[in-house]
């Protein structure tokens, strides 16, 4: 499937605007989040580890 020049331009604009919005929102909430949620980074690690574990279990189940 080929994209037109306008579609590619919109995709690039959207990605840049979305990432810019995420960075702006994060920088705005950085102080508040560290004050009220001091151990939130641990939960992110646990969730990522859970997804990796689930992925590995599915891969192992498919290999049998």
N, C-alpha and C. Protein backbone atom coordinates (compact mmCIF):
# COMPACT_ATOMS: atom_id res chain seq x y z
N UNK A 1 0.85 -1.17 0.00
CA UNK A 1 0.00 0.00 0.00
C UNK A 1 0.89 1.23 0.00
N UNK A 2 0.69 2.09 -0.96
CA UNK A 2 1.48 3.30 -1.06
C UNK A 2 0.71 4.47 -0.47
N UNK A 3 1.46 5.35 0.14
CA UNK A 3 0.87 6.55 0.72
C UNK A 3 1.19 7.74 -0.17
N UNK A 4 0.27 8.68 -0.21
CA UNK A 4 0.51 9.90 -0.98
C UNK A 4 1.41 10.84 -0.16
N UNK A 5 1.90 11.86 -0.80
CA UNK A 5 2.76 12.83 -0.12
C UNK A 5 2.05 13.53 1.03
N UNK A 6 0.77 13.83 0.83
CA UNK A 6 0.00 14.48 1.89
C UNK A 6 -0.19 13.58 3.10
N UNK A 7 -0.42 12.30 2.85
CA UNK A 7 -0.59 11.35 3.95
C UNK A 7 0.71 11.19 4.74
N UNK A 8 1.82 11.10 4.05
CA UNK A 8 3.11 10.97 4.72
C UNK A 8 3.40 12.23 5.53
N UNK A 9 3.11 13.38 4.97
CA UNK A 9 3.29 14.64 5.70
C UNK A 9 2.45 14.69 6.96
N UNK A 10 1.19 14.25 6.85
CA UNK A 10 0.33 14.23 8.02
C UNK A 10 0.84 13.27 9.08
N UNK A 11 1.30 12.10 8.66
CA UNK A 11 1.83 11.12 9.61
C UNK A 11 3.02 11.70 10.36
N UNK A 12 3.94 12.32 9.64
CA UNK A 12 5.12 12.90 10.28
C UNK A 12 4.71 14.03 11.22
N UNK A 13 3.80 14.90 10.78
CA UNK A 13 3.32 15.98 11.64
C UNK A 13 2.65 15.43 12.89
N UNK A 14 1.81 14.41 12.74
CA UNK A 14 1.09 13.84 13.87
C UNK A 14 2.06 13.24 14.88
N UNK A 15 3.05 12.48 14.40
CA UNK A 15 4.01 11.84 15.30
C UNK A 15 4.80 12.90 16.07
N UNK A 16 5.27 13.92 15.36
CA UNK A 16 6.04 14.98 16.02
C UNK A 16 5.17 15.73 17.04
N UNK A 17 3.94 16.06 16.67
CA UNK A 17 3.05 16.77 17.58
C UNK A 17 2.69 15.90 18.79
N UNK A 18 2.46 14.62 18.58
CA UNK A 18 2.10 13.72 19.67
C UNK A 18 3.25 13.56 20.65
N UNK A 19 4.46 13.34 20.14
CA UNK A 19 5.62 13.21 21.01
C UNK A 19 5.89 14.52 21.74
N UNK A 20 5.74 15.64 21.04
CA UNK A 20 5.89 16.94 21.69
C UNK A 20 4.88 17.14 22.81
N UNK A 21 3.65 16.73 22.58
CA UNK A 21 2.62 16.83 23.62
C UNK A 21 2.93 15.94 24.81
N UNK A 22 3.43 14.74 24.56
CA UNK A 22 3.81 13.86 25.66
C UNK A 22 4.94 14.46 26.49
N UNK A 23 5.94 15.00 25.83
CA UNK A 23 7.07 15.61 26.54
C UNK A 23 6.60 16.81 27.36
N UNK A 24 5.74 17.64 26.77
CA UNK A 24 5.22 18.81 27.47
C UNK A 24 4.41 18.40 28.70
N UNK A 25 3.53 17.40 28.55
CA UNK A 25 2.70 16.95 29.66
C UNK A 25 3.56 16.32 30.76
N UNK A 26 4.57 15.55 30.37
CA UNK A 26 5.43 14.91 31.36
C UNK A 26 6.22 15.96 32.13
N UNK A 27 6.77 16.94 31.43
CA UNK A 27 7.56 17.95 32.12
C UNK A 27 6.70 18.78 33.07
N UNK A 28 5.43 18.96 32.71
CA UNK A 28 4.51 19.71 33.56
C UNK A 28 4.16 18.93 34.83
N UNK A 29 4.01 17.61 34.72
CA UNK A 29 3.60 16.78 35.84
C UNK A 29 4.76 16.13 36.60
N UNK A 30 5.98 16.38 36.19
CA UNK A 30 7.13 15.71 36.77
C UNK A 30 7.25 15.96 38.29
N UNK A 31 7.10 17.20 38.70
CA UNK A 31 7.25 17.55 40.12
C UNK A 31 6.10 16.96 40.93
N UNK A 32 4.88 17.07 40.43
CA UNK A 32 3.72 16.55 41.14
C UNK A 32 3.78 15.04 41.26
N UNK A 33 4.16 14.35 40.19
CA UNK A 33 4.21 12.90 40.24
C UNK A 33 5.25 12.40 41.21
N UNK A 34 6.42 13.03 41.27
CA UNK A 34 7.44 12.57 42.20
C UNK A 34 7.05 12.86 43.64
N UNK A 35 6.18 13.85 43.85
CA UNK A 35 5.74 14.16 45.21
C UNK A 35 4.67 13.18 45.70
N UNK A 36 3.69 12.88 44.85
CA UNK A 36 2.57 12.04 45.27
C UNK A 36 2.74 10.57 44.94
N UNK A 37 3.57 10.23 43.98
CA UNK A 37 3.77 8.84 43.57
C UNK A 37 5.27 8.52 43.55
N UNK A 38 5.89 8.41 44.73
CA UNK A 38 7.35 8.27 44.75
C UNK A 38 7.86 6.94 44.20
N UNK A 39 7.09 5.86 44.23
CA UNK A 39 7.58 4.56 43.77
C UNK A 39 6.93 4.10 42.48
N UNK A 40 6.41 5.03 41.67
CA UNK A 40 5.69 4.65 40.46
C UNK A 40 6.58 3.97 39.45
N UNK A 41 7.86 4.31 39.41
CA UNK A 41 8.77 3.69 38.44
C UNK A 41 8.90 2.19 38.69
N UNK A 42 8.75 1.76 39.95
CA UNK A 42 8.81 0.32 40.25
C UNK A 42 7.64 -0.41 39.59
N UNK A 43 6.47 0.21 39.63
CA UNK A 43 5.29 -0.41 39.02
C UNK A 43 5.46 -0.54 37.52
N UNK A 44 6.08 0.43 36.88
CA UNK A 44 6.33 0.35 35.45
C UNK A 44 7.24 -0.84 35.15
N UNK A 45 8.27 -1.03 35.97
CA UNK A 45 9.18 -2.16 35.79
C UNK A 45 8.42 -3.48 35.95
N UNK A 46 7.55 -3.56 36.95
CA UNK A 46 6.77 -4.79 37.18
C UNK A 46 5.84 -5.09 36.00
N UNK A 47 5.20 -4.07 35.47
CA UNK A 47 4.28 -4.27 34.34
C UNK A 47 5.05 -4.74 33.10
N UNK A 48 6.19 -4.11 32.83
CA UNK A 48 7.00 -4.53 31.68
C UNK A 48 7.50 -5.95 31.86
N UNK A 49 7.95 -6.29 33.08
CA UNK A 49 8.39 -7.65 33.35
C UNK A 49 7.24 -8.65 33.18
N UNK A 50 6.04 -8.26 33.58
CA UNK A 50 4.88 -9.14 33.40
C UNK A 50 4.57 -9.38 31.93
N UNK A 51 4.64 -8.33 31.12
CA UNK A 51 4.41 -8.50 29.69
C UNK A 51 5.47 -9.38 29.04
N UNK A 52 6.71 -9.19 29.45
CA UNK A 52 7.79 -10.04 28.91
C UNK A 52 7.58 -11.49 29.33
N UNK A 53 7.20 -11.70 30.58
CA UNK A 53 6.93 -13.06 31.05
C UNK A 53 5.78 -13.70 30.29
N UNK A 54 4.72 -12.96 30.07
CA UNK A 54 3.58 -13.48 29.32
C UNK A 54 3.98 -13.81 27.89
N UNK A 55 4.75 -12.93 27.27
CA UNK A 55 5.24 -13.17 25.92
C UNK A 55 6.07 -14.45 25.86
N UNK A 56 6.96 -14.64 26.83
CA UNK A 56 7.81 -15.84 26.84
C UNK A 56 6.99 -17.10 27.08
N UNK A 57 5.97 -17.01 27.94
CA UNK A 57 5.11 -18.18 28.17
C UNK A 57 4.34 -18.55 26.91
N UNK A 58 3.85 -17.57 26.18
CA UNK A 58 3.11 -17.85 24.94
C UNK A 58 4.05 -18.45 23.90
N UNK A 59 5.27 -17.91 23.80
CA UNK A 59 6.25 -18.47 22.86
C UNK A 59 6.58 -19.91 23.23
N UNK A 60 6.75 -20.20 24.52
CA UNK A 60 7.05 -21.54 24.97
C UNK A 60 5.90 -22.50 24.69
N UNK A 61 4.66 -22.04 24.89
CA UNK A 61 3.49 -22.88 24.66
C UNK A 61 3.33 -23.20 23.17
N UNK A 62 3.67 -22.27 22.30
CA UNK A 62 3.54 -22.50 20.87
C UNK A 62 4.62 -23.44 20.35
N UNK A 63 5.73 -23.54 21.06
CA UNK A 63 6.83 -24.39 20.57
C UNK A 63 6.56 -25.87 20.83
N UNK A 64 5.59 -26.19 21.66
CA UNK A 64 5.28 -27.61 21.94
C UNK A 64 4.30 -28.17 20.97
